[in-house]
Amino acid sequence: MEFIRKRLKSLQYVFQGLFYLIKNEPPVMVHIVISLVWVILGFCFGITTNEWIVQLLCIAIVLSVEGLNTAVEKLCDFIHPDHHKTIGIIKDVAAGSVGFAVIPVSIVLCIIYYPYVMELF
């Protein structure tokens, strides 16, 4: 019973983190809006089950990496609130990791939707 209670308590922290990111982090809000556009497009074009799986995994990857980027930035700001060259590099690398996620995800989503868009013309 203790095991289950602890797991439920950990879910509380999961949702607190999700709501914090959604409410306070503009980049996360932007990614969520873009994700909603992709989901709406998925319904409009009637993408396949496998395409949905890939699309949802892509969305999860980008949002997860953005969340980790936010965590790194908050930690850096907490440890060293003043401008510091090394902290700046750490924050840039964390932001760059979002780029490593967004660029291939964008390509994958273009590959998914290209045939559907071409059918319109």
PDB file of N, CA and C in Angstrom:
ATOM      1  N   MET A   1       0.814  -1.194   0.000  1.00  0.00           N
ATOM      2  CA  MET A   1       0.000   0.000   0.000  1.00  0.00           C
ATOM      3  C   MET A   1       0.865   1.270   0.000  1.00  0.00           C
ATOM      4  N   GLU A   2       1.972   1.211   0.741  1.00  0.00           N
ATOM      5  CA  GLU A   2       2.901   2.349   0.799  1.00  0.00           C
ATOM      6  C   GLU A   2       3.470   2.653  -0.587  1.00  0.00           C
ATOM      7  N   PHE A   3       3.774   1.589  -1.337  1.00  0.00           N
ATOM      8  CA  PHE A   3       4.311   1.747  -2.683  1.00  0.00           C
ATOM      9  C   PHE A   3       3.336   2.539  -3.567  1.00  0.00           C
ATOM     10  N   ILE A   4       2.070   2.177  -3.518  1.00  0.00           N
ATOM     11  CA  ILE A   4       1.046   2.843  -4.332  1.00  0.00           C
ATOM     12  C   ILE A   4       0.888   4.294  -3.897  1.00  0.00           C
ATOM     13  N   ARG A   5       0.875   4.533  -2.601  1.00  0.00           N
ATOM     14  CA  ARG A   5       0.740   5.897  -2.098  1.00  0.00           C
ATOM     15  C   ARG A   5       1.894   6.781  -2.583  1.00  0.00           C
ATOM     16  N   LYS A   6       3.103   6.237  -2.573  1.00  0.00           N
ATOM     17  CA  LYS A   6       4.264   7.003  -3.043  1.00  0.00           C
ATOM     18  C   LYS A   6       4.187   7.273  -4.536  1.00  0.00           C
ATOM     19  N   ARG A   7       3.691   6.320  -5.300  1.00  0.00           N
ATOM     20  CA  ARG A   7       3.561   6.522  -6.747  1.00  0.00           C
ATOM     21  C   ARG A   7       2.521   7.600  -7.045  1.00  0.00           C
ATOM     22  N   LEU A   8       1.425   7.586  -6.314  1.00  0.00           N
ATOM     23  CA  LEU A   8       0.401   8.612  -6.493  1.00  0.00           C
ATOM     24  C   LEU A   8       0.941   9.987  -6.109  1.00  0.00           C
ATOM     25  N   LYS A   9       1.747  10.038  -5.053  1.00  0.00           N
ATOM     26  CA  LYS A   9       2.367  11.300  -4.641  1.00  0.00           C
ATOM     27  C   LYS A   9       3.311  11.811  -5.728  1.00  0.00           C
ATOM     28  N   SER A  10       4.044  10.895  -6.369  1.00  0.00           N
ATOM     29  CA  SER A  10       4.956  11.319  -7.433  1.00  0.00           C
ATOM     30  C   SER A  10       4.180  11.858  -8.629  1.00  0.00           C
ATOM     31  N   LEU A  11       2.987  11.336  -8.875  1.00  0.00           N
ATOM     32  CA  LEU A  11       2.160  11.881  -9.955  1.00  0.00           C
ATOM     33  C   LEU A  11       1.776  13.334  -9.679  1.00  0.00           C
ATOM     34  N   GLN A  12       1.595  13.646  -8.399  1.00  0.00           N
ATOM     35  CA  GLN A  12       1.294  15.030  -8.030  1.00  0.00           C
ATOM     36  C   GLN A  12       2.429  15.943  -8.486  1.00  0.00           C
ATOM     37  N   TYR A  13       3.671  15.512  -8.289  1.00  0.00           N
ATOM     38  CA  TYR A  13       4.824  16.318  -8.714  1.00  0.00           C
ATOM     39  C   TYR A  13       4.887  16.430 -10.235  1.00  0.00           C
ATOM     40  N   VAL A  14       4.525  15.354 -10.922  1.00  0.00           N
ATOM     41  CA  VAL A  14       4.495  15.378 -12.389  1.00  0.00           C
ATOM     42  C   VAL A  14       3.547  16.474 -12.862  1.00  0.00           C
ATOM     43  N   PHE A  15       2.341  16.482 -12.309  1.00  0.00           N
ATOM     44  CA  PHE A  15       1.347  17.466 -12.744  1.00  0.00           C
ATOM     45  C   PHE A  15       1.719  18.879 -12.317  1.00  0.00           C
ATOM     46  N   GLN A  16       2.347  19.032 -11.168  1.00  0.00           N
ATOM     47  CA  GLN A  16       2.822  20.359 -10.755  1.00  0.00           C
ATOM     48  C   GLN A  16       3.841  20.888 -11.765  1.00  0.00           C
ATOM     49  N   GLY A  17       4.761  20.010 -12.188  1.00  0.00           N
ATOM     50  CA  GLY A  17       5.757  20.415 -13.176  1.00  0.00           C
ATOM     51  C   GLY A  17       5.129  20.757 -14.515  1.00  0.00           C
ATOM     52  N   LEU A  18       4.182  19.933 -14.964  1.00  0.00           N
ATOM     53  CA  LEU A  18       3.495  20.203 -16.230  1.00  0.00           C
ATOM     54  C   LEU A  18       2.796  21.556 -16.185  1.00  0.00           C
ATOM     55  N   PHE A  19       2.038  21.788 -15.120  1.00  0.00           N
ATOM     56  CA  PHE A  19       1.291  23.038 -15.022  1.00  0.00           C
ATOM     57  C   PHE A  19       2.231  24.240 -14.905  1.00  0.00           C
ATOM     58  N   TYR A  20       3.336  24.070 -14.189  1.00  0.00           N
ATOM     59  CA  TYR A  20       4.307  25.166 -14.096  1.00  0.00           C
ATOM     60  C   TYR A  20       4.830  25.523 -15.488  1.00  0.00           C
ATOM     61  N   LEU A  21       5.246  24.509 -16.237  1.00  0.00           N
ATOM     62  CA  LEU A  21       5.786  24.753 -17.575  1.00  0.00           C
ATOM     63  C   LEU A  21       4.760  25.433 -18.473  1.00  0.00           C
ATOM     64  N   ILE A  22       3.540  24.924 -18.459  1.00  0.00           N
ATOM     65  CA  ILE A  22       2.486  25.466 -19.322  1.00  0.00           C
ATOM     66  C   ILE A  22       2.166  26.912 -18.949  1.00  0.00           C
ATOM     67  N   LYS A  23       2.121  27.172 -17.662  1.00  0.00           N
ATOM     68  CA  LYS A  23       1.694  28.483 -17.162  1.00  0.00           C
ATOM     69  C   LYS A  23       2.792  29.546 -17.231  1.00  0.00           C
ATOM     70  N   ASN A  24       4.051  29.135 -17.051  1.00  0.00           N
ATOM     71  CA  ASN A  24       5.123  30.111 -16.845  1.00  0.00           C
ATOM     72  C   ASN A  24       6.192  30.178 -17.927  1.00  0.00           C
ATOM     73  N   GLU A  25       6.221  29.250 -18.831  1.00  0.00           N
ATOM     74  CA  GLU A  25       7.318  29.211 -19.797  1.00  0.00           C
ATOM     75  C   GLU A  25       6.804  29.457 -21.222  1.00  0.00           C
ATOM     76  N   PRO A  26       7.023  30.664 -21.754  1.00  0.00           N
ATOM     77  CA  PRO A  26       6.545  30.978 -23.099  1.00  0.00           C
ATOM     78  C   PRO A  26       6.998  29.999 -24.186  1.00  0.00           C
ATOM     79  N   PRO A  27       8.257  29.514 -24.169  1.00  0.00           N
ATOM     80  CA  PRO A  27       8.628  28.554 -25.213  1.00  0.00           C
ATOM     81  C   PRO A  27       7.787  27.272 -25.169  1.00  0.00           C
ATOM     82  N   VAL A  28       7.441  26.833 -23.960  1.00  0.00           N
ATOM     83  CA  VAL A  28       6.599  25.643 -23.828  1.00  0.00           C
ATOM     84  C   VAL A  28       5.215  25.942 -24.378  1.00  0.00           C
ATOM     85  N   MET A  29       4.698  27.125 -24.068  1.00  0.00           N
ATOM     86  CA  MET A  29       3.383  27.513 -24.601  1.00  0.00           C
ATOM     87  C   MET A  29       3.399  27.522 -26.127  1.00  0.00           C
ATOM     88  N   VAL A  30       4.469  28.045 -26.708  1.00  0.00           N
ATOM     89  CA  VAL A  30       4.592  28.070 -28.170  1.00  0.00           C
ATOM     90  C   VAL A  30       4.609  26.658 -28.717  1.00  0.00           C
ATOM     91  N   HIS A  31       5.390  25.771 -28.111  1.00  0.00           N
ATOM     92  CA  HIS A  31       5.450  24.383 -28.577  1.00  0.00           C
ATOM     93  C   HIS A  31       4.097  23.688 -28.437  1.00  0.00           C
ATOM     94  N   ILE A  32       3.363  24.007 -27.395  1.00  0.00           N
ATOM     95  CA  ILE A  32       2.040  23.403 -27.216  1.00  0.00           C
ATOM     96  C   ILE A  32       1.085  23.887 -28.301  1.00  0.00           C
ATOM     97  N   VAL A  33       1.103  25.165 -28.610  1.00  0.00           N
ATOM     98  CA  VAL A  33       0.242  25.690 -29.674  1.00  0.00           C
ATOM     99  C   VAL A  33       0.597  25.041 -31.008  1.00  0.00           C
ATOM    100  N   ILE A  34       1.887  24.954 -31.297  1.00  0.00           N
ATOM    101  CA  ILE A  34       2.322  24.316 -32.544  1.00  0.00           C
ATOM    102  C   ILE A  34       1.904  22.846 -32.551  1.00  0.00           C
ATOM    103  N   SER A  35       2.028  22.179 -31.417  1.00  0.00           N
ATOM    104  CA  SER A  35       1.618  20.777 -31.310  1.00  0.00           C
ATOM    105  C   SER A  35       0.121  20.621 -31.574  1.00  0.00           C
ATOM    106  N   LEU A  36      -0.663  21.539 -31.032  1.00  0.00           N
ATOM    107  CA  LEU A  36      -2.112  21.489 -31.273  1.00  0.00           C
ATOM    108  C   LEU A  36      -2.435  21.673 -32.757  1.00  0.00           C
ATOM    109  N   VAL A  37      -1.675  22.525 -33.426  1.00  0.00           N
ATOM    110  CA  VAL A  37      -1.864  22.695 -34.879  1.00  0.00           C
ATOM    111  C   VAL A  37      -1.599  21.378 -35.593  1.00  0.00           C
ATOM    112  N   TRP A  38      -0.512  20.682 -35.222  1.00  0.00           N
ATOM    113  CA  TRP A  38      -0.205  19.393 -35.848  1.00  0.00           C
ATOM    114  C   TRP A  38      -1.294  18.362 -35.565  1.00  0.00           C
ATOM    115  N   VAL A  39      -1.834  18.380 -34.354  1.00  0.00           N
ATOM    116  CA  VAL A  39      -2.907  17.439 -34.007  1.00  0.00           C
ATOM    117  C   VAL A  39      -4.154  17.747 -34.842  1.00  0.00           C
ATOM    118  N   ILE A  40      -4.501  19.013 -34.960  1.00  0.00           N
ATOM    119  CA  ILE A  40      -5.661  19.393 -35.780  1.00  0.00           C
ATOM    120  C   ILE A  40      -5.435  18.974 -37.229  1.00  0.00           C
ATOM    121  N   LEU A  41      -4.227  19.213 -37.745  1.00  0.00           N
ATOM    122  CA  LEU A  41      -3.908  18.781 -39.109  1.00  0.00           C
ATOM    123  C   LEU A  41      -4.022  17.274 -39.255  1.00  0.00           C
ATOM    124  N   GLY A  42      -3.609  16.547 -38.231  1.00  0.00           N
ATOM    125  CA  GLY A  42      -3.723  15.095 -38.261  1.00  0.00           C
ATOM    126  C   GLY A  42      -5.160  14.647 -38.445  1.00  0.00           C
ATOM    127  N   PHE A  43      -6.077  15.297 -37.724  1.00  0.00           N
ATOM    128  CA  PHE A  43      -7.496  14.974 -37.871  1.00  0.00           C
ATOM    129  C   PHE A  43      -8.026  15.420 -39.232  1.00  0.00           C
ATOM    130  N   CYS A  44      -7.614  16.608 -39.674  1.00  0.00           N
ATOM    131  CA  CYS A  44      -8.090  17.123 -40.961  1.00  0.00           C
ATOM    132  C   CYS A  44      -7.650  16.239 -42.126  1.00  0.00           C
ATOM    133  N   PHE A  45      -6.406  15.776 -42.107  1.00  0.00           N
ATOM    134  CA  PHE A  45      -5.886  14.964 -43.207  1.00  0.00           C
ATOM    135  C   PHE A  45      -6.132  13.474 -43.010  1.00  0.00           C
ATOM    136  N   GLY A  46      -6.576  13.074 -41.828  1.00  0.00           N
ATOM    137  CA  GLY A  46      -6.843  11.660 -41.581  1.00  0.00           C
ATOM    138  C   GLY A  46      -5.582  10.804 -41.673  1.00  0.00           C
ATOM    139  N   ILE A  47      -4.532  11.243 -40.960  1.00  0.00           N
ATOM    140  CA  ILE A  47      -3.275  10.499 -41.023  1.00  0.00           C
ATOM    141  C   ILE A  47      -3.461   9.102 -40.434  1.00  0.00           C
ATOM    142  N   THR A  48      -2.571   8.193 -40.802  1.00  0.00           N
ATOM    143  CA  THR A  48      -2.677   6.794 -40.382  1.00  0.00           C
ATOM    144  C   THR A  48      -2.305   6.633 -38.906  1.00  0.00           C
ATOM    145  N   THR A  49      -2.607   5.470 -38.375  1.00  0.00           N
ATOM    146  CA  THR A  49      -2.268   5.168 -36.985  1.00  0.00           C
ATOM    147  C   THR A  49      -0.767   5.281 -36.750  1.00  0.00           C
ATOM    148  N   ASN A  50       0.021   4.733 -37.665  1.00  0.00           N
ATOM    149  CA  ASN A  50       1.485   4.819 -37.514  1.00  0.00           C
ATOM    150  C   ASN A  50       1.957   6.265 -37.586  1.00  0.00           C
ATOM    151  N   GLU A  51       1.350   7.064 -38.430  1.00  0.00           N
ATOM    152  CA  GLU A  51       1.720   8.479 -38.513  1.00  0.00           C
ATOM    153  C   GLU A  51       1.345   9.208 -37.219  1.00  0.00           C
ATOM    154  N   TRP A  52       0.207   8.844 -36.633  1.00  0.00           N
ATOM    155  CA  TRP A  52      -0.167   9.423 -35.335  1.00  0.00           C
ATOM    156  C   TRP A  52       0.865   9.076 -34.272  1.00  0.00           C
ATOM    157  N   ILE A  53       1.285   7.824 -34.267  1.00  0.00           N
ATOM    158  CA  ILE A  53       2.272   7.392 -33.274  1.00  0.00           C
ATOM    159  C   ILE A  53       3.551   8.203 -33.418  1.00  0.00           C
ATOM    160  N   VAL A  54       4.033   8.332 -34.644  1.00  0.00           N
ATOM    161  CA  VAL A  54       5.264   9.083 -34.887  1.00  0.00           C
ATOM    162  C   VAL A  54       5.068  10.550 -34.502  1.00  0.00           C
ATOM    163  N   GLN A  55       3.937  11.114 -34.905  1.00  0.00           N
ATOM    164  CA  GLN A  55       3.674  12.522 -34.604  1.00  0.00           C
ATOM    165  C   GLN A  55       3.618  12.763 -33.100  1.00  0.00           C
ATOM    166  N   LEU A  56       2.922  11.910 -32.369  1.00  0.00           N
ATOM    167  CA  LEU A  56       2.821  12.083 -30.918  1.00  0.00           C
ATOM    168  C   LEU A  56       4.175  11.904 -30.231  1.00  0.00           C
ATOM    169  N   LEU A  57       4.977  10.973 -30.719  1.00  0.00           N
ATOM    170  CA  LEU A  57       6.328  10.817 -30.172  1.00  0.00           C
ATOM    171  C   LEU A  57       7.178  12.057 -30.451  1.00  0.00           C
ATOM    172  N   CYS A  58       7.033  12.617 -31.631  1.00  0.00           N
ATOM    173  CA  CYS A  58       7.762  13.847 -31.970  1.00  0.00           C
ATOM    174  C   CYS A  58       7.369  14.985 -31.035  1.00  0.00           C
ATOM    175  N   ILE A  59       6.071  15.142 -30.823  1.00  0.00           N
ATOM    176  CA  ILE A  59       5.594  16.186 -29.920  1.00  0.00           C
ATOM    177  C   ILE A  59       6.138  15.955 -28.510  1.00  0.00           C
ATOM    178  N   ALA A  60       6.101  14.721 -28.053  1.00  0.00           N
ATOM    179  CA  ALA A  60       6.594  14.400 -26.707  1.00  0.00           C
ATOM    180  C   ALA A  60       8.083  14.695 -26.588  1.00  0.00           C
ATOM    181  N   ILE A  61       8.842  14.375 -27.614  1.00  0.00           N
ATOM    182  CA  ILE A  61      10.285  14.620 -27.569  1.00  0.00           C
ATOM    183  C   ILE A  61      10.573  16.112 -27.442  1.00  0.00           C
ATOM    184  N   VAL A  62       9.933  16.913 -28.275  1.00  0.00           N
ATOM    185  CA  VAL A  62      10.201  18.355 -28.254  1.00  0.00           C
ATOM    186  C   VAL A  62       9.782  18.960 -26.914  1.00  0.00           C
ATOM    187  N   LEU A  63       8.593  18.600 -26.428  1.00  0.00           N
ATOM    188  CA  LEU A  63       8.141  19.161 -25.153  1.00  0.00           C
ATOM    189  C   LEU A  63       9.023  18.692 -23.993  1.00  0.00           C
ATOM    190  N   SER A  64       9.473  17.455 -24.039  1.00  0.00           N
ATOM    191  CA  SER A  64      10.343  16.940 -22.981  1.00  0.00           C
ATOM    192  C   SER A  64      11.689  17.656 -22.972  1.00  0.00           C
ATOM    193  N   VAL A  65      12.276  17.819 -24.139  1.00  0.00           N
ATOM    194  CA  VAL A  65      13.576  18.490 -24.214  1.00  0.00           C
ATOM    195  C   VAL A  65      13.429  19.955 -23.802  1.00  0.00           C
ATOM    196  N   GLU A  66      12.325  20.588 -24.189  1.00  0.00           N
ATOM    197  CA  GLU A  66      12.091  21.972 -23.775  1.00  0.00           C
ATOM    198  C   GLU A  66      11.951  22.058 -22.253  1.00  0.00           C
ATOM    199  N   GLY A  67      11.295  21.084 -21.655  1.00  0.00           N
ATOM    200  CA  GLY A  67      11.185  21.052 -20.197  1.00  0.00           C
ATOM    201  C   GLY A  67      12.541  20.888 -19.526  1.00  0.00           C
ATOM    202  N   LEU A  68      13.371  20.009 -20.068  1.00  0.00           N
ATOM    203  CA  LEU A  68      14.716  19.832 -19.528  1.00  0.00           C
ATOM    204  C   LEU A  68      15.558  21.092 -19.704  1.00  0.00           C
ATOM    205  N   ASN A  69      15.400  21.747 -20.843  1.00  0.00           N
ATOM    206  CA  ASN A  69      16.103  23.008 -21.081  1.00  0.00           C
ATOM    207  C   ASN A  69      15.707  24.032 -20.021  1.00  0.00           C
ATOM    208  N   THR A  70      14.426  24.121 -19.732  1.00  0.00           N
ATOM    209  CA  THR A  70      13.945  25.043 -18.704  1.00  0.00           C
ATOM    210  C   THR A  70      14.542  24.697 -17.343  1.00  0.00           C
ATOM    211  N   ALA A  71      14.589  23.402 -17.015  1.00  0.00           N
ATOM    212  CA  ALA A  71      15.155  22.977 -15.737  1.00  0.00           C
ATOM    213  C   ALA A  71      16.629  23.370 -15.629  1.00  0.00           C
ATOM    214  N   VAL A  72      17.393  23.162 -16.702  1.00  0.00           N
ATOM    215  CA  VAL A  72      18.812  23.530 -16.703  1.00  0.00           C
ATOM    216  C   VAL A  72      18.962  25.035 -16.517  1.00  0.00           C
ATOM    217  N   GLU A  73      18.147  25.818 -17.232  1.00  0.00           N
ATOM    218  CA  GLU A  73      18.235  27.270 -17.109  1.00  0.00           C
ATOM    219  C   GLU A  73      17.894  27.737 -15.702  1.00  0.00           C
ATOM    220  N   LYS A  74      16.853  27.173 -15.113  1.00  0.00           N
ATOM    221  CA  LYS A  74      16.464  27.560 -13.750  1.00  0.00           C
ATOM    222  C   LYS A  74      17.563  27.194 -12.754  1.00  0.00           C
ATOM    223  N   LEU A  75      18.149  26.010 -12.932  1.00  0.00           N
ATOM    224  CA  LEU A  75      19.229  25.578 -12.049  1.00  0.00           C
ATOM    225  C   LEU A  75      20.433  26.504 -12.180  1.00  0.00           C
ATOM    226  N   CYS A  76      20.783  26.846 -13.402  1.00  0.00           N
ATOM    227  CA  CYS A  76      21.917  27.760 -13.625  1.00  0.00           C
ATOM    228  C   CYS A  76      21.658  29.119 -12.992  1.00  0.00           C
ATOM    229  N   ASP A  77      20.439  29.636 -13.167  1.00  0.00           N
ATOM    230  CA  ASP A  77      20.097  30.935 -12.575  1.00  0.00           C
ATOM    231  C   ASP A  77      20.135  30.879 -11.049  1.00  0.00           C
ATOM    232  N   PHE A  78      19.753  29.745 -10.491  1.00  0.00           N
ATOM    233  CA  PHE A  78      19.765  29.572  -9.032  1.00  0.00           C
ATOM    234  C   PHE A  78      21.206  29.512  -8.512  1.00  0.00           C
ATOM    235  N   ILE A  79      22.044  28.759  -9.217  1.00  0.00           N
ATOM    236  CA  ILE A  79      23.428  28.578  -8.771  1.00  0.00           C
ATOM    237  C   ILE A  79      24.241  29.849  -8.944  1.00  0.00           C
ATOM    238  N   HIS A  80      24.032  30.512 -10.083  1.00  0.00           N
ATOM    239  CA  HIS A  80      24.837  31.700 -10.376  1.00  0.00           C
ATOM    240  C   HIS A  80      23.942  32.756 -11.016  1.00  0.00           C
ATOM    241  N   PRO A  81      23.256  33.576 -10.190  1.00  0.00           N
ATOM    242  CA  PRO A  81      22.287  34.540 -10.725  1.00  0.00           C
ATOM    243  C   PRO A  81      22.914  35.643 -11.584  1.00  0.00           C
ATOM    244  N   ASP A  82      24.172  35.958 -11.343  1.00  0.00           N
ATOM    245  CA  ASP A  82      24.843  36.985 -12.139  1.00  0.00           C
ATOM    246  C   ASP A  82      25.327  36.376 -13.450  1.00  0.00           C
ATOM    247  N   HIS A  83      25.595  37.253 -14.412  1.00  0.00           N
ATOM    248  CA  HIS A  83      26.103  36.776 -15.698  1.00  0.00           C
ATOM    249  C   HIS A  83      27.463  36.114 -15.499  1.00  0.00           C
ATOM    250  N   HIS A  84      27.607  34.941 -16.069  1.00  0.00           N
ATOM    251  CA  HIS A  84      28.863  34.207 -16.000  1.00  0.00           C
ATOM    252  C   HIS A  84      29.048  33.488 -17.329  1.00  0.00           C
ATOM    253  N   LYS A  85      30.256  33.579 -17.878  1.00  0.00           N
ATOM    254  CA  LYS A  85      30.515  33.027 -19.206  1.00  0.00           C
ATOM    255  C   LYS A  85      30.198  31.527 -19.280  1.00  0.00           C
ATOM    256  N   THR A  86      30.648  30.758 -18.324  1.00  0.00           N
ATOM    257  CA  THR A  86      30.424  29.310 -18.351  1.00  0.00           C
ATOM    258  C   THR A  86      28.942  28.969 -18.195  1.00  0.00           C
ATOM    259  N   ILE A  87      28.254  29.685 -17.310  1.00  0.00           N
ATOM    260  CA  ILE A  87      26.809  29.470 -17.159  1.00  0.00           C
ATOM    261  C   ILE A  87      26.110  29.794 -18.473  1.00  0.00           C
ATOM    262  N   GLY A  88      26.553  30.840 -19.136  1.00  0.00           N
ATOM    263  CA  GLY A  88      25.979  31.203 -20.438  1.00  0.00           C
ATOM    264  C   GLY A  88      26.150  30.088 -21.457  1.00  0.00           C
ATOM    265  N   ILE A  89      27.325  29.482 -21.470  1.00  0.00           N
ATOM    266  CA  ILE A  89      27.576  28.371 -22.389  1.00  0.00           C
ATOM    267  C   ILE A  89      26.671  27.183 -22.056  1.00  0.00           C
ATOM    268  N   ILE A  90      26.546  26.876 -20.770  1.00  0.00           N
ATOM    269  CA  ILE A  90      25.683  25.768 -20.344  1.00  0.00           C
ATOM    270  C   ILE A  90      24.250  26.007 -20.806  1.00  0.00           C
ATOM    271  N   LYS A  91      23.753  27.239 -20.620  1.00  0.00           N
ATOM    272  CA  LYS A  91      22.388  27.557 -21.029  1.00  0.00           C
ATOM    273  C   LYS A  91      22.236  27.504 -22.550  1.00  0.00           C
ATOM    274  N   ASP A  92      23.262  27.948 -23.275  1.00  0.00           N
ATOM    275  CA  ASP A  92      23.220  27.877 -24.739  1.00  0.00           C
ATOM    276  C   ASP A  92      23.193  26.430 -25.224  1.00  0.00           C
ATOM    277  N   VAL A  93      23.980  25.580 -24.591  1.00  0.00           N
ATOM    278  CA  VAL A  93      24.005  24.162 -24.965  1.00  0.00           C
ATOM    279  C   VAL A  93      22.641  23.523 -24.693  1.00  0.00           C
ATOM    280  N   ALA A  94      22.035  23.856 -23.553  1.00  0.00           N
ATOM    281  CA  ALA A  94      20.705  23.325 -23.241  1.00  0.00           C
ATOM    282  C   ALA A  94      19.683  23.790 -24.275  1.00  0.00           C
ATOM    283  N   ALA A  95      19.765  25.056 -24.656  1.00  0.00           N
ATOM    284  CA  ALA A  95      18.856  25.572 -25.690  1.00  0.00           C
ATOM    285  C   ALA A  95      19.141  24.913 -27.030  1.00  0.00           C
ATOM    286  N   GLY A  96      20.413  24.685 -27.313  1.00  0.00           N
ATOM    287  CA  GLY A  96      20.783  24.012 -28.560  1.00  0.00           C
ATOM    288  C   GLY A  96      20.226  22.605 -28.643  1.00  0.00           C
ATOM    289  N   SER A  97      20.088  21.954 -27.490  1.00  0.00           N
ATOM    290  CA  SER A  97      19.522  20.609 -27.496  1.00  0.00           C
ATOM    291  C   SER A  97      18.072  20.624 -27.953  1.00  0.00           C
ATOM    292  N   VAL A  98      17.376  21.714 -27.688  1.00  0.00           N
ATOM    293  CA  VAL A  98      16.010  21.853 -28.202  1.00  0.00           C
ATOM    294  C   VAL A  98      16.053  21.898 -29.725  1.00  0.00           C
ATOM    295  N   GLY A  99      17.042  22.595 -30.257  1.00  0.00           N
ATOM    296  CA  GLY A  99      17.212  22.637 -31.714  1.00  0.00           C
ATOM    297  C   GLY A  99      17.476  21.262 -32.294  1.00  0.00           C
ATOM    298  N   PHE A 100      18.284  20.462 -31.583  1.00  0.00           N
ATOM    299  CA  PHE A 100      18.541  19.089 -32.035  1.00  0.00           C
ATOM    300  C   PHE A 100      17.260  18.265 -32.066  1.00  0.00           C
ATOM    301  N   ALA A 101      16.291  18.620 -31.257  1.00  0.00           N
ATOM    302  CA  ALA A 101      15.005  17.917 -31.278  1.00  0.00           C
ATOM    303  C   ALA A 101      14.080  18.513 -32.342  1.00  0.00           C
ATOM    304  N   VAL A 102      13.998  19.838 -32.390  1.00  0.00           N
ATOM    305  CA  VAL A 102      13.031  20.505 -33.264  1.00  0.00           C
ATOM    306  C   VAL A 102      13.339  20.298 -34.745  1.00  0.00           C
ATOM    307  N   ILE A 103      14.598  20.356 -35.124  1.00  0.00           N
ATOM    308  CA  ILE A 103      14.935  20.259 -36.551  1.00  0.00           C
ATOM    309  C   ILE A 103      14.541  18.907 -37.136  1.00  0.00           C
ATOM    310  N   PRO A 104      14.977  17.775 -36.575  1.00  0.00           N
ATOM    311  CA  PRO A 104      14.548  16.502 -37.161  1.00  0.00           C
ATOM    312  C   PRO A 104      13.047  16.250 -37.014  1.00  0.00           C
ATOM    313  N   VAL A 105      12.453  16.713 -35.927  1.00  0.00           N
ATOM    314  CA  VAL A 105      10.997  16.557 -35.768  1.00  0.00           C
ATOM    315  C   VAL A 105      10.272  17.317 -36.871  1.00  0.00           C
ATOM    316  N   SER A 106      10.729  18.510 -37.184  1.00  0.00           N
ATOM    317  CA  SER A 106      10.113  19.282 -38.271  1.00  0.00           C
ATOM    318  C   SER A 106      10.226  18.547 -39.598  1.00  0.00           C
ATOM    319  N   ILE A 107      11.376  17.942 -39.839  1.00  0.00           N
ATOM    320  CA  ILE A 107      11.566  17.178 -41.081  1.00  0.00           C
ATOM    321  C   ILE A 107      10.627  15.977 -41.114  1.00  0.00           C
ATOM    322  N   VAL A 108      10.545  15.259 -39.994  1.00  0.00           N
ATOM    323  CA  VAL A 108       9.663  14.082 -39.926  1.00  0.00           C
ATOM    324  C   VAL A 108       8.213  14.489 -40.184  1.00  0.00           C
ATOM    325  N   LEU A 109       7.767  15.574 -39.569  1.00  0.00           N
ATOM    326  CA  LEU A 109       6.386  16.006 -39.756  1.00  0.00           C
ATOM    327  C   LEU A 109       6.137  16.463 -41.187  1.00  0.00           C
ATOM    328  N   CYS A 110       7.120  17.085 -41.817  1.00  0.00           N
ATOM    329  CA  CYS A 110       6.982  17.448 -43.232  1.00  0.00           C
ATOM    330  C   CYS A 110       6.882  16.190 -44.101  1.00  0.00           C
ATOM    331  N   ILE A 111       7.642  15.176 -43.765  1.00  0.00           N
ATOM    332  CA  ILE A 111       7.568  13.910 -44.509  1.00  0.00           C
ATOM    333  C   ILE A 111       6.181  13.291 -44.353  1.00  0.00           C
ATOM    334  N   ILE A 112       5.631  13.339 -43.153  1.00  0.00           N
ATOM    335  CA  ILE A 112       4.295  12.783 -42.925  1.00  0.00           C
ATOM    336  C   ILE A 112       3.250  13.533 -43.754  1.00  0.00           C
ATOM    337  N   TYR A 113       3.304  14.853 -43.734  1.00  0.00           N
ATOM    338  CA  TYR A 113       2.232  15.647 -44.332  1.00  0.00           C
ATOM    339  C   TYR A 113       2.422  15.956 -45.816  1.00  0.00           C
ATOM    340  N   TYR A 114       3.621  15.782 -46.331  1.00  0.00           N
ATOM    341  CA  TYR A 114       3.872  16.088 -47.741  1.00  0.00           C
ATOM    342  C   TYR A 114       2.876  15.402 -48.682  1.00  0.00           C
ATOM    343  N   PRO A 115       2.658  14.087 -48.579  1.00  0.00           N
ATOM    344  CA  PRO A 115       1.710  13.447 -49.499  1.00  0.00           C
ATOM    345  C   PRO A 115       0.290  13.990 -49.367  1.00  0.00           C
ATOM    346  N   TYR A 116      -0.110  14.308 -48.156  1.00  0.00           N
ATOM    347  CA  TYR A 116      -1.465  14.823 -47.939  1.00  0.00           C
ATOM    348  C   TYR A 116      -1.631  16.199 -48.566  1.00  0.00           C
ATOM    349  N   VAL A 117      -0.623  17.042 -48.398  1.00  0.00           N
ATOM    350  CA  VAL A 117      -0.674  18.384 -48.968  1.00  0.00           C
ATOM    351  C   VAL A 117      -0.641  18.315 -50.494  1.00  0.00           C
ATOM    352  N   MET A 118       0.161  17.401 -51.044  1.00  0.00           N
ATOM    353  CA  MET A 118       0.262  17.268 -52.502  1.00  0.00           C
ATOM    354  C   MET A 118      -1.065  16.800 -53.112  1.00  0.00           C
ATOM    355  N   GLU A 119      -1.851  16.042 -52.360  1.00  0.00           N
ATOM    356  CA  GLU A 119      -3.163  15.618 -52.846  1.00  0.00           C
ATOM    357  C   GLU A 119      -4.111  16.792 -53.048  1.00  0.00           C
ATOM    358  N   LEU A 120      -3.847  17.890 -52.343  1.00  0.00           N
ATOM    359  CA  LEU A 120      -4.710  19.071 -52.464  1.00  0.00           C
ATOM    360  C   LEU A 120      -4.500  19.801 -53.780  1.00  0.00           C
ATOM    361  N   PHE A 121      -3.368  19.555 -54.423  1.00  0.00           N
ATOM    362  CA  PHE A 121      -3.041  20.306 -55.652  1.00  0.00           C
ATOM    363  C   PHE A 121      -3.143  19.464 -56.885  1.00  0.00           C
TER     364      PHE A 121
END
